[in-house]
Amino acid sequence: MLKRILVLDDNQDILDIVNETLRYEQFEVQATTKGNEVIPMMEELTPDLVILDYRVADINGGEICQKIKTHPKFNNIPVIIFSAYINRDNELFAYGCDAVINKPFDLTELVEKVQRLLSTKIS
């Protein structure tokens, strides 16, 4: 069974690139541009990993990460935060994320971090 990844970014171009890259790497990808859809989508999908943009129009991706990490059903799901705010990694890790990817990002780095987190995930 393919590993499921949920991606949030309000930039459709980034969503398209991430979606295409991860599908090429044999992942099932669900994507949204709306932060308030993440938790309901998680209830439906139960992803193996979540990628969140830090700054989206309707909510802060860090706050969504905190909700995921304090949710009894989802707290073991790895979360990656995308951020254009370089040198703010410590602030982003304070939300409980498992990895940070700075924008603009290298697709190889994205795939490597996803694979690493999925290989170490505790089910």
PDB file of N, CA and C in Angstrom:
ATOM      1  N   MET A   1       0.838  -1.181   0.000  1.00  0.00           N
ATOM      2  CA  MET A   1       0.000   0.000   0.000  1.00  0.00           C
ATOM      3  C   MET A   1       0.887   1.251   0.000  1.00  0.00           C
ATOM      4  N   LEU A   2       0.506   2.227  -0.787  1.00  0.00           N
ATOM      5  CA  LEU A   2       1.274   3.462  -0.873  1.00  0.00           C
ATOM      6  C   LEU A   2       1.154   4.257   0.419  1.00  0.00           C
ATOM      7  N   LYS A   3       2.245   4.903   0.797  1.00  0.00           N
ATOM      8  CA  LYS A   3       2.223   5.810   1.949  1.00  0.00           C
ATOM      9  C   LYS A   3       1.468   7.071   1.540  1.00  0.00           C
ATOM     10  N   ARG A   4       0.627   7.572   2.455  1.00  0.00           N
ATOM     11  CA  ARG A   4      -0.207   8.737   2.180  1.00  0.00           C
ATOM     12  C   ARG A   4       0.411   9.998   2.782  1.00  0.00           C
ATOM     13  N   ILE A   5       0.453  11.046   1.975  1.00  0.00           N
ATOM     14  CA  ILE A   5       1.007  12.321   2.420  1.00  0.00           C
ATOM     15  C   ILE A   5      -0.026  13.411   2.170  1.00  0.00           C
ATOM     16  N   LEU A   6      -0.243  14.235   3.186  1.00  0.00           N
ATOM     17  CA  LEU A   6      -1.140  15.386   3.080  1.00  0.00           C
ATOM     18  C   LEU A   6      -0.284  16.642   3.008  1.00  0.00           C
ATOM     19  N   VAL A   7      -0.552  17.489   2.014  1.00  0.00           N
ATOM     20  CA  VAL A   7       0.250  18.697   1.798  1.00  0.00           C
ATOM     21  C   VAL A   7      -0.644  19.928   1.841  1.00  0.00           C
ATOM     22  N   LEU A   8      -0.217  20.940   2.601  1.00  0.00           N
ATOM     23  CA  LEU A   8      -0.889  22.233   2.654  1.00  0.00           C
ATOM     24  C   LEU A   8       0.056  23.309   2.160  1.00  0.00           C
ATOM     25  N   ASP A   9      -0.367  24.039   1.150  1.00  0.00           N
ATOM     26  CA  ASP A   9       0.354  25.227   0.704  1.00  0.00           C
ATOM     27  C   ASP A   9      -0.646  26.087  -0.056  1.00  0.00           C
ATOM     28  N   ASP A  10      -0.639  27.385   0.180  1.00  0.00           N
ATOM     29  CA  ASP A  10      -1.597  28.241  -0.535  1.00  0.00           C
ATOM     30  C   ASP A  10      -1.078  28.689  -1.902  1.00  0.00           C
ATOM     31  N   ASN A  11       0.100  28.206  -2.282  1.00  0.00           N
ATOM     32  CA  ASN A  11       0.641  28.477  -3.610  1.00  0.00           C
ATOM     33  C   ASN A  11       0.407  27.233  -4.473  1.00  0.00           C
ATOM     34  N   GLN A  12      -0.487  27.356  -5.434  1.00  0.00           N
ATOM     35  CA  GLN A  12      -0.859  26.202  -6.260  1.00  0.00           C
ATOM     36  C   GLN A  12       0.326  25.646  -7.035  1.00  0.00           C
ATOM     37  N   ASP A  13       1.243  26.512  -7.473  1.00  0.00           N
ATOM     38  CA  ASP A  13       2.418  26.036  -8.200  1.00  0.00           C
ATOM     39  C   ASP A  13       3.271  25.113  -7.330  1.00  0.00           C
ATOM     40  N   ILE A  14       3.470  25.496  -6.076  1.00  0.00           N
ATOM     41  CA  ILE A  14       4.244  24.657  -5.160  1.00  0.00           C
ATOM     42  C   ILE A  14       3.514  23.343  -4.913  1.00  0.00           C
ATOM     43  N   LEU A  15       2.197  23.422  -4.709  1.00  0.00           N
ATOM     44  CA  LEU A  15       1.427  22.185  -4.518  1.00  0.00           C
ATOM     45  C   LEU A  15       1.581  21.251  -5.707  1.00  0.00           C
ATOM     46  N   ASP A  16       1.522  21.807  -6.901  1.00  0.00           N
ATOM     47  CA  ASP A  16       1.642  20.987  -8.108  1.00  0.00           C
ATOM     48  C   ASP A  16       3.005  20.300  -8.187  1.00  0.00           C
ATOM     49  N   ILE A  17       4.060  21.048  -7.907  1.00  0.00           N
ATOM     50  CA  ILE A  17       5.415  20.486  -7.969  1.00  0.00           C
ATOM     51  C   ILE A  17       5.613  19.408  -6.904  1.00  0.00           C
ATOM     52  N   VAL A  18       5.172  19.689  -5.681  1.00  0.00           N
ATOM     53  CA  VAL A  18       5.316  18.713  -4.596  1.00  0.00           C
ATOM     54  C   VAL A  18       4.488  17.463  -4.904  1.00  0.00           C
ATOM     55  N   ASN A  19       3.271  17.674  -5.367  1.00  0.00           N
ATOM     56  CA  ASN A  19       2.388  16.565  -5.717  1.00  0.00           C
ATOM     57  C   ASN A  19       3.023  15.676  -6.787  1.00  0.00           C
ATOM     58  N   GLU A  20       3.494  16.286  -7.854  1.00  0.00           N
ATOM     59  CA  GLU A  20       4.101  15.534  -8.947  1.00  0.00           C
ATOM     60  C   GLU A  20       5.356  14.788  -8.483  1.00  0.00           C
ATOM     61  N   THR A  21       6.190  15.451  -7.716  1.00  0.00           N
ATOM     62  CA  THR A  21       7.432  14.840  -7.224  1.00  0.00           C
ATOM     63  C   THR A  21       7.143  13.645  -6.327  1.00  0.00           C
ATOM     64  N   LEU A  22       6.233  13.812  -5.376  1.00  0.00           N
ATOM     65  CA  LEU A  22       5.950  12.729  -4.437  1.00  0.00           C
ATOM     66  C   LEU A  22       5.208  11.568  -5.103  1.00  0.00           C
ATOM     67  N   ARG A  23       4.345  11.874  -6.043  1.00  0.00           N
ATOM     68  CA  ARG A  23       3.670  10.796  -6.782  1.00  0.00           C
ATOM     69  C   ARG A  23       4.696  10.002  -7.606  1.00  0.00           C
ATOM     70  N   TYR A  24       5.650  10.695  -8.187  1.00  0.00           N
ATOM     71  CA  TYR A  24       6.716  10.025  -8.941  1.00  0.00           C
ATOM     72  C   TYR A  24       7.491   9.068  -8.032  1.00  0.00           C
ATOM     73  N   GLU A  25       7.631   9.446  -6.768  1.00  0.00           N
ATOM     74  CA  GLU A  25       8.342   8.622  -5.786  1.00  0.00           C
ATOM     75  C   GLU A  25       7.429   7.565  -5.159  1.00  0.00           C
ATOM     76  N   GLN A  26       6.260   7.372  -5.740  1.00  0.00           N
ATOM     77  CA  GLN A  26       5.324   6.326  -5.312  1.00  0.00           C
ATOM     78  C   GLN A  26       4.616   6.602  -3.981  1.00  0.00           C
ATOM     79  N   PHE A  27       4.242   7.861  -3.758  1.00  0.00           N
ATOM     80  CA  PHE A  27       3.429   8.213  -2.600  1.00  0.00           C
ATOM     81  C   PHE A  27       2.042   8.606  -3.091  1.00  0.00           C
ATOM     82  N   GLU A  28       1.052   8.378  -2.250  1.00  0.00           N
ATOM     83  CA  GLU A  28      -0.298   8.876  -2.511  1.00  0.00           C
ATOM     84  C   GLU A  28      -0.372  10.262  -1.891  1.00  0.00           C
ATOM     85  N   VAL A  29      -0.755  11.263  -2.665  1.00  0.00           N
ATOM     86  CA  VAL A  29      -0.731  12.645  -2.184  1.00  0.00           C
ATOM     87  C   VAL A  29      -2.125  13.260  -2.223  1.00  0.00           C
ATOM     88  N   GLN A  30      -2.496  13.881  -1.122  1.00  0.00           N
ATOM     89  CA  GLN A  30      -3.695  14.708  -1.048  1.00  0.00           C
ATOM     90  C   GLN A  30      -3.212  16.108  -0.715  1.00  0.00           C
ATOM     91  N   ALA A  31      -3.788  17.113  -1.376  1.00  0.00           N
ATOM     92  CA  ALA A  31      -3.304  18.482  -1.181  1.00  0.00           C
ATOM     93  C   ALA A  31      -4.468  19.436  -0.956  1.00  0.00           C
ATOM     94  N   THR A  32      -4.177  20.495  -0.240  1.00  0.00           N
ATOM     95  CA  THR A  32      -5.164  21.546  -0.014  1.00  0.00           C
ATOM     96  C   THR A  32      -4.458  22.893   0.057  1.00  0.00           C
ATOM     97  N   THR A  33      -5.192  23.939  -0.276  1.00  0.00           N
ATOM     98  CA  THR A  33      -4.680  25.305  -0.150  1.00  0.00           C
ATOM     99  C   THR A  33      -5.261  25.988   1.087  1.00  0.00           C
ATOM    100  N   LYS A  34      -6.119  25.299   1.825  1.00  0.00           N
ATOM    101  CA  LYS A  34      -6.820  25.897   2.965  1.00  0.00           C
ATOM    102  C   LYS A  34      -6.431  25.206   4.272  1.00  0.00           C
ATOM    103  N   GLY A  35      -5.878  25.988   5.170  1.00  0.00           N
ATOM    104  CA  GLY A  35      -5.425  25.443   6.449  1.00  0.00           C
ATOM    105  C   GLY A  35      -6.533  24.820   7.274  1.00  0.00           C
ATOM    106  N   ASN A  36      -7.746  25.381   7.196  1.00  0.00           N
ATOM    107  CA  ASN A  36      -8.840  24.850   8.006  1.00  0.00           C
ATOM    108  C   ASN A  36      -9.349  23.497   7.506  1.00  0.00           C
ATOM    109  N   GLU A  37      -8.835  23.025   6.372  1.00  0.00           N
ATOM    110  CA  GLU A  37      -9.221  21.717   5.838  1.00  0.00           C
ATOM    111  C   GLU A  37      -8.291  20.594   6.291  1.00  0.00           C
ATOM    112  N   VAL A  38      -7.157  20.939   6.888  1.00  0.00           N
ATOM    113  CA  VAL A  38      -6.142  19.932   7.207  1.00  0.00           C
ATOM    114  C   VAL A  38      -6.656  18.877   8.195  1.00  0.00           C
ATOM    115  N   ILE A  39      -7.162  19.290   9.340  1.00  0.00           N
ATOM    116  CA  ILE A  39      -7.606  18.318  10.355  1.00  0.00           C
ATOM    117  C   ILE A  39      -8.777  17.477   9.829  1.00  0.00           C
ATOM    118  N   PRO A  40      -9.797  18.069   9.206  1.00  0.00           N
ATOM    119  CA  PRO A  40     -10.855  17.221   8.628  1.00  0.00           C
ATOM    120  C   PRO A  40     -10.325  16.240   7.575  1.00  0.00           C
ATOM    121  N   MET A  41      -9.370  16.671   6.764  1.00  0.00           N
ATOM    122  CA  MET A  41      -8.785  15.768   5.779  1.00  0.00           C
ATOM    123  C   MET A  41      -8.000  14.650   6.466  1.00  0.00           C
ATOM    124  N   MET A  42      -7.356  14.967   7.575  1.00  0.00           N
ATOM    125  CA  MET A  42      -6.618  13.943   8.319  1.00  0.00           C
ATOM    126  C   MET A  42      -7.579  12.900   8.878  1.00  0.00           C
ATOM    127  N   GLU A  43      -8.731  13.348   9.357  1.00  0.00           N
ATOM    128  CA  GLU A  43      -9.742  12.416   9.875  1.00  0.00           C
ATOM    129  C   GLU A  43     -10.156  11.431   8.787  1.00  0.00           C
ATOM    130  N   GLU A  44     -10.303  11.935   7.580  1.00  0.00           N
ATOM    131  CA  GLU A  44     -10.743  11.110   6.458  1.00  0.00           C
ATOM    132  C   GLU A  44      -9.619  10.237   5.897  1.00  0.00           C
ATOM    133  N   LEU A  45      -8.424  10.805   5.786  1.00  0.00           N
ATOM    134  CA  LEU A  45      -7.316  10.169   5.085  1.00  0.00           C
ATOM    135  C   LEU A  45      -6.386   9.367   5.998  1.00  0.00           C
ATOM    136  N   THR A  46      -6.195   9.824   7.231  1.00  0.00           N
ATOM    137  CA  THR A  46      -5.174   9.306   8.140  1.00  0.00           C
ATOM    138  C   THR A  46      -3.837   9.171   7.404  1.00  0.00           C
ATOM    139  N   PRO A  47      -3.206  10.308   7.114  1.00  0.00           N
ATOM    140  CA  PRO A  47      -1.946  10.281   6.359  1.00  0.00           C
ATOM    141  C   PRO A  47      -0.802   9.695   7.175  1.00  0.00           C
ATOM    142  N   ASP A  48       0.230   9.286   6.450  1.00  0.00           N
ATOM    143  CA  ASP A  48       1.444   8.783   7.100  1.00  0.00           C
ATOM    144  C   ASP A  48       2.416   9.920   7.403  1.00  0.00           C
ATOM    145  N   LEU A  49       2.215  11.065   6.728  1.00  0.00           N
ATOM    146  CA  LEU A  49       3.081  12.225   6.907  1.00  0.00           C
ATOM    147  C   LEU A  49       2.314  13.458   6.445  1.00  0.00           C
ATOM    148  N   VAL A  50       2.599  14.610   7.079  1.00  0.00           N
ATOM    149  CA  VAL A  50       1.953  15.872   6.725  1.00  0.00           C
ATOM    150  C   VAL A  50       3.024  16.909   6.428  1.00  0.00           C
ATOM    151  N   ILE A  51       2.807  17.674   5.355  1.00  0.00           N
ATOM    152  CA  ILE A  51       3.693  18.787   5.006  1.00  0.00           C
ATOM    153  C   ILE A  51       2.854  20.053   5.046  1.00  0.00           C
ATOM    154  N   LEU A  52       3.292  21.035   5.851  1.00  0.00           N
ATOM    155  CA  LEU A  52       2.531  22.268   6.041  1.00  0.00           C
ATOM    156  C   LEU A  52       3.353  23.485   5.657  1.00  0.00           C
ATOM    157  N   ASP A  53       2.746  24.385   4.898  1.00  0.00           N
ATOM    158  CA  ASP A  53       3.360  25.684   4.673  1.00  0.00           C
ATOM    159  C   ASP A  53       3.197  26.476   5.964  1.00  0.00           C
ATOM    160  N   TYR A  54       4.231  27.198   6.367  1.00  0.00           N
ATOM    161  CA  TYR A  54       4.156  27.958   7.614  1.00  0.00           C
ATOM    162  C   TYR A  54       3.170  29.119   7.515  1.00  0.00           C
ATOM    163  N   ARG A  55       3.186  29.819   6.406  1.00  0.00           N
ATOM    164  CA  ARG A  55       2.294  30.965   6.236  1.00  0.00           C
ATOM    165  C   ARG A  55       1.273  30.672   5.144  1.00  0.00           C
ATOM    166  N   VAL A  56       0.040  30.468   5.568  1.00  0.00           N
ATOM    167  CA  VAL A  56      -1.067  30.332   4.629  1.00  0.00           C
ATOM    168  C   VAL A  56      -2.103  31.391   4.973  1.00  0.00           C
ATOM    169  N   ALA A  57      -2.989  31.662   4.041  1.00  0.00           N
ATOM    170  CA  ALA A  57      -3.913  32.786   4.178  1.00  0.00           C
ATOM    171  C   ALA A  57      -4.780  32.728   5.434  1.00  0.00           C
ATOM    172  N   ASP A  58      -5.308  31.554   5.768  1.00  0.00           N
ATOM    173  CA  ASP A  58      -6.297  31.517   6.839  1.00  0.00           C
ATOM    174  C   ASP A  58      -5.784  31.054   8.199  1.00  0.00           C
ATOM    175  N   ILE A  59      -4.559  30.536   8.276  1.00  0.00           N
ATOM    176  CA  ILE A  59      -4.031  30.057   9.553  1.00  0.00           C
ATOM    177  C   ILE A  59      -2.519  29.853   9.442  1.00  0.00           C
ATOM    178  N   ASN A  60      -1.878  29.816  10.578  1.00  0.00           N
ATOM    179  CA  ASN A  60      -0.438  29.587  10.664  1.00  0.00           C
ATOM    180  C   ASN A  60      -0.188  28.074  10.657  1.00  0.00           C
ATOM    181  N   GLY A  61       0.684  27.601   9.761  1.00  0.00           N
ATOM    182  CA  GLY A  61       0.990  26.179   9.677  1.00  0.00           C
ATOM    183  C   GLY A  61       1.580  25.621  10.961  1.00  0.00           C
ATOM    184  N   GLY A  62       2.272  26.459  11.712  1.00  0.00           N
ATOM    185  CA  GLY A  62       2.803  26.020  13.003  1.00  0.00           C
ATOM    186  C   GLY A  62       1.691  25.680  13.984  1.00  0.00           C
ATOM    187  N   GLU A  63       0.622  26.471  13.962  1.00  0.00           N
ATOM    188  CA  GLU A  63      -0.517  26.207  14.838  1.00  0.00           C
ATOM    189  C   GLU A  63      -1.203  24.897  14.444  1.00  0.00           C
ATOM    190  N   ILE A  64      -1.279  24.621  13.147  1.00  0.00           N
ATOM    191  CA  ILE A  64      -1.852  23.349  12.698  1.00  0.00           C
ATOM    192  C   ILE A  64      -0.967  22.203  13.177  1.00  0.00           C
ATOM    193  N   CYS A  65       0.340  22.392  13.079  1.00  0.00           N
ATOM    194  CA  CYS A  65       1.282  21.376  13.551  1.00  0.00           C
ATOM    195  C   CYS A  65       1.042  21.080  15.034  1.00  0.00           C
ATOM    196  N   GLN A  66       0.867  22.119  15.837  1.00  0.00           N
ATOM    197  CA  GLN A  66       0.608  21.930  17.267  1.00  0.00           C
ATOM    198  C   GLN A  66      -0.668  21.122  17.490  1.00  0.00           C
ATOM    199  N   LYS A  67      -1.713  21.416  16.703  1.00  0.00           N
ATOM    200  CA  LYS A  67      -2.964  20.672  16.835  1.00  0.00           C
ATOM    201  C   LYS A  67      -2.752  19.197  16.501  1.00  0.00           C
ATOM    202  N   ILE A  68      -1.973  18.941  15.464  1.00  0.00           N
ATOM    203  CA  ILE A  68      -1.691  17.556  15.073  1.00  0.00           C
ATOM    204  C   ILE A  68      -0.922  16.851  16.179  1.00  0.00           C
ATOM    205  N   LYS A  69       0.108  17.514  16.700  1.00  0.00           N
ATOM    206  CA  LYS A  69       0.994  16.883  17.689  1.00  0.00           C
ATOM    207  C   LYS A  69       0.336  16.707  19.061  1.00  0.00           C
ATOM    208  N   THR A  70      -0.768  17.406  19.319  1.00  0.00           N
ATOM    209  CA  THR A  70      -1.476  17.229  20.592  1.00  0.00           C
ATOM    210  C   THR A  70      -2.746  16.407  20.422  1.00  0.00           C
ATOM    211  N   HIS A  71      -3.046  15.992  19.209  1.00  0.00           N
ATOM    212  CA  HIS A  71      -4.226  15.185  18.921  1.00  0.00           C
ATOM    213  C   HIS A  71      -3.912  13.719  19.230  1.00  0.00           C
ATOM    214  N   PRO A  72      -4.727  13.051  20.051  1.00  0.00           N
ATOM    215  CA  PRO A  72      -4.409  11.674  20.438  1.00  0.00           C
ATOM    216  C   PRO A  72      -4.323  10.690  19.260  1.00  0.00           C
ATOM    217  N   LYS A  73      -5.059  10.944  18.206  1.00  0.00           N
ATOM    218  CA  LYS A  73      -5.049  10.031  17.058  1.00  0.00           C
ATOM    219  C   LYS A  73      -3.895  10.311  16.090  1.00  0.00           C
ATOM    220  N   PHE A  74      -3.408  11.554  16.063  1.00  0.00           N
ATOM    221  CA  PHE A  74      -2.441  11.967  15.045  1.00  0.00           C
ATOM    222  C   PHE A  74      -1.060  12.319  15.574  1.00  0.00           C
ATOM    223  N   ASN A  75      -0.844  12.307  16.881  1.00  0.00           N
ATOM    224  CA  ASN A  75       0.400  12.837  17.446  1.00  0.00           C
ATOM    225  C   ASN A  75       1.660  12.086  17.023  1.00  0.00           C
ATOM    226  N   ASN A  76       1.511  10.873  16.460  1.00  0.00           N
ATOM    227  CA  ASN A  76       2.700  10.138  16.015  1.00  0.00           C
ATOM    228  C   ASN A  76       2.981  10.339  14.525  1.00  0.00           C
ATOM    229  N   ILE A  77       2.183  11.154  13.850  1.00  0.00           N
ATOM    230  CA  ILE A  77       2.370  11.396  12.416  1.00  0.00           C
ATOM    231  C   ILE A  77       3.450  12.464  12.228  1.00  0.00           C
ATOM    232  N   PRO A  78       4.496  12.161  11.462  1.00  0.00           N
ATOM    233  CA  PRO A  78       5.545  13.160  11.223  1.00  0.00           C
ATOM    234  C   PRO A  78       5.004  14.374  10.461  1.00  0.00           C
ATOM    235  N   VAL A  79       5.508  15.553  10.841  1.00  0.00           N
ATOM    236  CA  VAL A  79       5.103  16.804  10.204  1.00  0.00           C
ATOM    237  C   VAL A  79       6.344  17.555   9.747  1.00  0.00           C
ATOM    238  N   ILE A  80       6.306  18.003   8.497  1.00  0.00           N
ATOM    239  CA  ILE A  80       7.347  18.865   7.940  1.00  0.00           C
ATOM    240  C   ILE A  80       6.723  20.237   7.726  1.00  0.00           C
ATOM    241  N   ILE A  81       7.437  21.293   8.121  1.00  0.00           N
ATOM    242  CA  ILE A  81       6.968  22.652   7.851  1.00  0.00           C
ATOM    243  C   ILE A  81       7.847  23.266   6.773  1.00  0.00           C
ATOM    244  N   PHE A  82       7.182  23.789   5.732  1.00  0.00           N
ATOM    245  CA  PHE A  82       7.838  24.598   4.691  1.00  0.00           C
ATOM    246  C   PHE A  82       7.888  26.025   5.201  1.00  0.00           C
ATOM    247  N   SER A  83       8.997  26.713   5.019  1.00  0.00           N
ATOM    248  CA  SER A  83       9.043  28.113   5.435  1.00  0.00           C
ATOM    249  C   SER A  83       9.989  28.924   4.572  1.00  0.00           C
ATOM    250  N   ALA A  84       9.542  30.114   4.219  1.00  0.00           N
ATOM    251  CA  ALA A  84      10.397  31.056   3.505  1.00  0.00           C
ATOM    252  C   ALA A  84      11.188  31.909   4.497  1.00  0.00           C
ATOM    253  N   TYR A  85      10.944  31.705   5.795  1.00  0.00           N
ATOM    254  CA  TYR A  85      11.618  32.477   6.833  1.00  0.00           C
ATOM    255  C   TYR A  85      12.907  31.770   7.229  1.00  0.00           C
ATOM    256  N   ILE A  86      13.958  32.052   6.489  1.00  0.00           N
ATOM    257  CA  ILE A  86      15.258  31.422   6.709  1.00  0.00           C
ATOM    258  C   ILE A  86      15.777  31.781   8.110  1.00  0.00           C
ATOM    259  N   ASN A  87      16.505  30.852   8.710  1.00  0.00           N
ATOM    260  CA  ASN A  87      17.111  31.040  10.034  1.00  0.00           C
ATOM    261  C   ASN A  87      16.079  31.138  11.158  1.00  0.00           C
ATOM    262  N   ARG A  88      14.883  30.601  10.952  1.00  0.00           N
ATOM    263  CA  ARG A  88      13.856  30.591  12.003  1.00  0.00           C
ATOM    264  C   ARG A  88      13.546  29.154  12.423  1.00  0.00           C
ATOM    265  N   ASP A  89      14.440  28.226  12.074  1.00  0.00           N
ATOM    266  CA  ASP A  89      14.164  26.812  12.330  1.00  0.00           C
ATOM    267  C   ASP A  89      13.816  26.527  13.790  1.00  0.00           C
ATOM    268  N   ASN A  90      14.536  27.131  14.738  1.00  0.00           N
ATOM    269  CA  ASN A  90      14.250  26.873  16.157  1.00  0.00           C
ATOM    270  C   ASN A  90      12.836  27.269  16.522  1.00  0.00           C
ATOM    271  N   GLU A  91      12.370  28.398  15.992  1.00  0.00           N
ATOM    272  CA  GLU A  91      10.991  28.832  16.242  1.00  0.00           C
ATOM    273  C   GLU A  91      10.004  27.829  15.662  1.00  0.00           C
ATOM    274  N   LEU A  92      10.319  27.309  14.477  1.00  0.00           N
ATOM    275  CA  LEU A  92       9.420  26.360  13.827  1.00  0.00           C
ATOM    276  C   LEU A  92       9.411  25.025  14.566  1.00  0.00           C
ATOM    277  N   PHE A  93      10.568  24.563  15.024  1.00  0.00           N
ATOM    278  CA  PHE A  93      10.621  23.312  15.777  1.00  0.00           C
ATOM    279  C   PHE A  93       9.847  23.416  17.092  1.00  0.00           C
ATOM    280  N   ALA A  94       9.694  24.625  17.622  1.00  0.00           N
ATOM    281  CA  ALA A  94       8.930  24.824  18.855  1.00  0.00           C
ATOM    282  C   ALA A  94       7.461  24.418  18.682  1.00  0.00           C
ATOM    283  N   TYR A  95       6.972  24.390  17.454  1.00  0.00           N
ATOM    284  CA  TYR A  95       5.603  23.947  17.189  1.00  0.00           C
ATOM    285  C   TYR A  95       5.471  22.423  17.250  1.00  0.00           C
ATOM    286  N   GLY A  96       6.598  21.725  17.307  1.00  0.00           N
ATOM    287  CA  GLY A  96       6.571  20.273  17.411  1.00  0.00           C
ATOM    288  C   GLY A  96       6.810  19.531  16.112  1.00  0.00           C
ATOM    289  N   CYS A  97       7.166  20.256  15.048  1.00  0.00           N
ATOM    290  CA  CYS A  97       7.384  19.589  13.767  1.00  0.00           C
ATOM    291  C   CYS A  97       8.617  18.680  13.836  1.00  0.00           C
ATOM    292  N   ASP A  98       8.671  17.742  12.910  1.00  0.00           N
ATOM    293  CA  ASP A  98       9.765  16.779  12.863  1.00  0.00           C
ATOM    294  C   ASP A  98      10.892  17.214  11.938  1.00  0.00           C
ATOM    295  N   ALA A  99      10.584  18.131  11.009  1.00  0.00           N
ATOM    296  CA  ALA A  99      11.591  18.643  10.079  1.00  0.00           C
ATOM    297  C   ALA A  99      11.113  19.984   9.529  1.00  0.00           C
ATOM    298  N   VAL A 100      12.081  20.762   9.061  1.00  0.00           N
ATOM    299  CA  VAL A 100      11.810  22.052   8.424  1.00  0.00           C
ATOM    300  C   VAL A 100      12.483  22.035   7.059  1.00  0.00           C
ATOM    301  N   ILE A 101      11.783  22.552   6.073  1.00  0.00           N
ATOM    302  CA  ILE A 101      12.370  22.727   4.743  1.00  0.00           C
ATOM    303  C   ILE A 101      12.212  24.194   4.384  1.00  0.00           C
ATOM    304  N   ASN A 102      13.341  24.840   4.132  1.00  0.00           N
ATOM    305  CA  ASN A 102      13.320  26.252   3.780  1.00  0.00           C
ATOM    306  C   ASN A 102      13.018  26.439   2.302  1.00  0.00           C
ATOM    307  N   LYS A 103      12.160  27.424   2.018  1.00  0.00           N
ATOM    308  CA  LYS A 103      11.833  27.781   0.627  1.00  0.00           C
ATOM    309  C   LYS A 103      12.814  28.837   0.165  1.00  0.00           C
ATOM    310  N   PRO A 104      13.222  28.841  -1.072  1.00  0.00           N
ATOM    311  CA  PRO A 104      12.931  27.800  -2.061  1.00  0.00           C
ATOM    312  C   PRO A 104      13.670  26.528  -1.677  1.00  0.00           C
ATOM    313  N   PHE A 105      13.087  25.395  -2.015  1.00  0.00           N
ATOM    314  CA  PHE A 105      13.657  24.126  -1.578  1.00  0.00           C
ATOM    315  C   PHE A 105      14.064  23.263  -2.757  1.00  0.00           C
ATOM    316  N   ASP A 106      14.956  22.355  -2.456  1.00  0.00           N
ATOM    317  CA  ASP A 106      15.448  21.399  -3.428  1.00  0.00           C
ATOM    318  C   ASP A 106      14.556  20.159  -3.357  1.00  0.00           C
ATOM    319  N   LEU A 107      14.084  19.676  -4.494  1.00  0.00           N
ATOM    320  CA  LEU A 107      13.192  18.517  -4.503  1.00  0.00           C
ATOM    321  C   LEU A 107      13.864  17.264  -3.946  1.00  0.00           C
ATOM    322  N   THR A 108      15.163  17.143  -4.137  1.00  0.00           N
ATOM    323  CA  THR A 108      15.893  16.008  -3.573  1.00  0.00           C
ATOM    324  C   THR A 108      15.845  16.054  -2.051  1.00  0.00           C
ATOM    325  N   GLU A 109      16.018  17.243  -1.477  1.00  0.00           N
ATOM    326  CA  GLU A 109      15.936  17.402  -0.017  1.00  0.00           C
ATOM    327  C   GLU A 109      14.539  17.015   0.473  1.00  0.00           C
ATOM    328  N   LEU A 110      13.517  17.450  -0.245  1.00  0.00           N
ATOM    329  CA  LEU A 110      12.144  17.109   0.129  1.00  0.00           C
ATOM    330  C   LEU A 110      11.955  15.591   0.172  1.00  0.00           C
ATOM    331  N   VAL A 111      12.325  14.917  -0.885  1.00  0.00           N
ATOM    332  CA  VAL A 111      12.150  13.465  -0.973  1.00  0.00           C
ATOM    333  C   VAL A 111      12.953  12.764   0.116  1.00  0.00           C
ATOM    334  N   GLU A 112      14.191  13.185   0.338  1.00  0.00           N
ATOM    335  CA  GLU A 112      15.029  12.563   1.369  1.00  0.00           C
ATOM    336  C   GLU A 112      14.422  12.719   2.765  1.00  0.00           C
ATOM    337  N   LYS A 113      13.921  13.907   3.085  1.00  0.00           N
ATOM    338  CA  LYS A 113      13.328  14.125   4.411  1.00  0.00           C
ATOM    339  C   LYS A 113      12.046  13.310   4.567  1.00  0.00           C
ATOM    340  N   VAL A 114      11.233  13.265   3.531  1.00  0.00           N
ATOM    341  CA  VAL A 114      10.003  12.473   3.583  1.00  0.00           C
ATOM    342  C   VAL A 114      10.348  11.003   3.812  1.00  0.00           C
ATOM    343  N   GLN A 115      11.272  10.473   3.027  1.00  0.00           N
ATOM    344  CA  GLN A 115      11.641   9.066   3.160  1.00  0.00           C
ATOM    345  C   GLN A 115      12.251   8.765   4.530  1.00  0.00           C
ATOM    346  N   ARG A 116      13.099   9.674   5.020  1.00  0.00           N
ATOM    347  CA  ARG A 116      13.717   9.466   6.331  1.00  0.00           C
ATOM    348  C   ARG A 116      12.664   9.438   7.437  1.00  0.00           C
ATOM    349  N   LEU A 117      11.749  10.388   7.405  1.00  0.00           N
ATOM    350  CA  LEU A 117      10.721  10.444   8.454  1.00  0.00           C
ATOM    351  C   LEU A 117       9.785   9.239   8.385  1.00  0.00           C
ATOM    352  N   LEU A 118       9.451   8.816   7.198  1.00  0.00           N
ATOM    353  CA  LEU A 118       8.564   7.649   7.062  1.00  0.00           C
ATOM    354  C   LEU A 118       9.266   6.357   7.482  1.00  0.00           C
ATOM    355  N   SER A 119      10.560   6.291   7.284  1.00  0.00           N
ATOM    356  CA  SER A 119      11.282   5.064   7.662  1.00  0.00           C
ATOM    357  C   SER A 119      11.481   4.969   9.164  1.00  0.00           C
ATOM    358  N   THR A 120      11.409   6.101   9.866  1.00  0.00           N
ATOM    359  CA  THR A 120      11.587   6.090  11.322  1.00  0.00           C
ATOM    360  C   THR A 120      10.277   6.244  12.074  1.00  0.00           C
ATOM    361  N   LYS A 121       9.170   6.360  11.349  1.00  0.00           N
ATOM    362  CA  LYS A 121       7.851   6.572  11.978  1.00  0.00           C
ATOM    363  C   LYS A 121       7.474   5.371  12.834  1.00  0.00           C
ATOM    364  N   ILE A 122       6.989   5.664  14.019  1.00  0.00           N
ATOM    365  CA  ILE A 122       6.470   4.634  14.921  1.00  0.00           C
ATOM    366  C   ILE A 122       4.980   4.508  14.653  1.00  0.00           C
ATOM    367  N   SER A 123       4.534   3.343  14.300  1.00  0.00           N
ATOM    368  CA  SER A 123       3.110   3.153  13.986  1.00  0.00           C
ATOM    369  C   SER A 123       2.282   2.992  15.233  1.00  0.00           C
TER     370      SER A 123
END
